[in-house]
Amino acid sequence: MNVELVRDVAVAAVAARVFGTDVRIVLRRLAAVQVRAGISELARGRDGHEEEDR
């Protein structure tokens, strides 16, 4: 291994350690938003607010 590769791997490891928790939080919140959007779509279809085929 050359020095540049070792440096790049070390920087990537530090970045993953520092930002790993933040990335997990963002992904968890994104998943929650998608679930809420899906539930609202299901509720809208069940309430009859959806356009009917003519």
Protein backbone atom coordinates (compact mmCIF):
# COMPACT_ATOMS: atom_id res chain seq x y z
CA MET A 1 0.00 0.00 0.00
CA ASN A 2 1.21 3.43 -0.75
CA VAL A 3 0.94 6.39 1.61
CA GLU A 4 -1.88 8.09 -0.32
CA LEU A 5 -4.10 5.01 -0.13
CA VAL A 6 -3.47 4.64 3.61
CA ARG A 7 -4.29 8.32 4.09
CA ASP A 8 -7.52 8.02 2.07
CA VAL A 9 -8.63 4.95 4.03
CA ALA A 10 -7.88 6.70 7.34
CA VAL A 11 -9.82 9.81 6.32
CA ALA A 12 -12.76 7.68 5.18
CA ALA A 13 -12.76 5.79 8.49
CA VAL A 14 -12.74 9.01 10.50
CA ALA A 15 -15.49 10.53 8.36
CA ALA A 16 -17.64 7.41 8.74
CA ARG A 17 -17.15 7.52 12.49
CA VAL A 18 -17.98 11.23 12.76
CA PHE A 19 -20.90 11.40 10.32
CA GLY A 20 -22.24 7.84 10.67
CA THR A 21 -24.72 8.70 13.42
CA ASP A 22 -26.01 11.75 11.56
CA VAL A 23 -26.52 9.73 8.38
CA ARG A 24 -28.49 7.10 10.29
CA ILE A 25 -30.71 9.78 11.83
CA VAL A 26 -31.39 11.39 8.45
CA LEU A 27 -32.20 8.03 6.85
CA ARG A 28 -34.53 7.12 9.73
CA ARG A 29 -36.38 10.44 9.41
CA LEU A 30 -36.63 10.02 5.64
CA ALA A 31 -38.16 6.58 6.10
CA ALA A 32 -40.66 7.98 8.61
CA VAL A 33 -41.71 10.69 6.14
CA GLN A 34 -42.23 8.09 3.43
CA VAL A 35 -44.35 5.95 5.74
CA ARG A 36 -46.50 8.96 6.68
CA ALA A 37 -46.96 9.81 2.99
CA GLY A 38 -48.01 6.25 2.23
CA ILE A 39 -50.50 6.19 5.09
CA SER A 40 -52.02 9.49 3.98
CA GLU A 41 -52.38 8.10 0.44
CA LEU A 42 -54.18 5.04 1.80
CA ALA A 43 -56.45 7.17 3.96
CA ARG A 44 -57.27 9.48 1.06
CA GLY A 45 -58.29 6.53 -1.12
CA ARG A 46 -60.42 5.03 1.65
CA ASP A 47 -62.28 8.30 2.38
CA GLY A 48 -63.51 8.54 -1.19
CA HIS A 49 -61.60 11.70 -2.07
CA GLU A 50 -59.92 9.91 -4.91
CA GLU A 51 -61.22 10.55 -8.43
CA GLU A 52 -63.40 7.78 -9.76
CA ASP A 53 -63.03 6.30 -13.24
CA ARG A 54 -65.76 7.39 -15.63
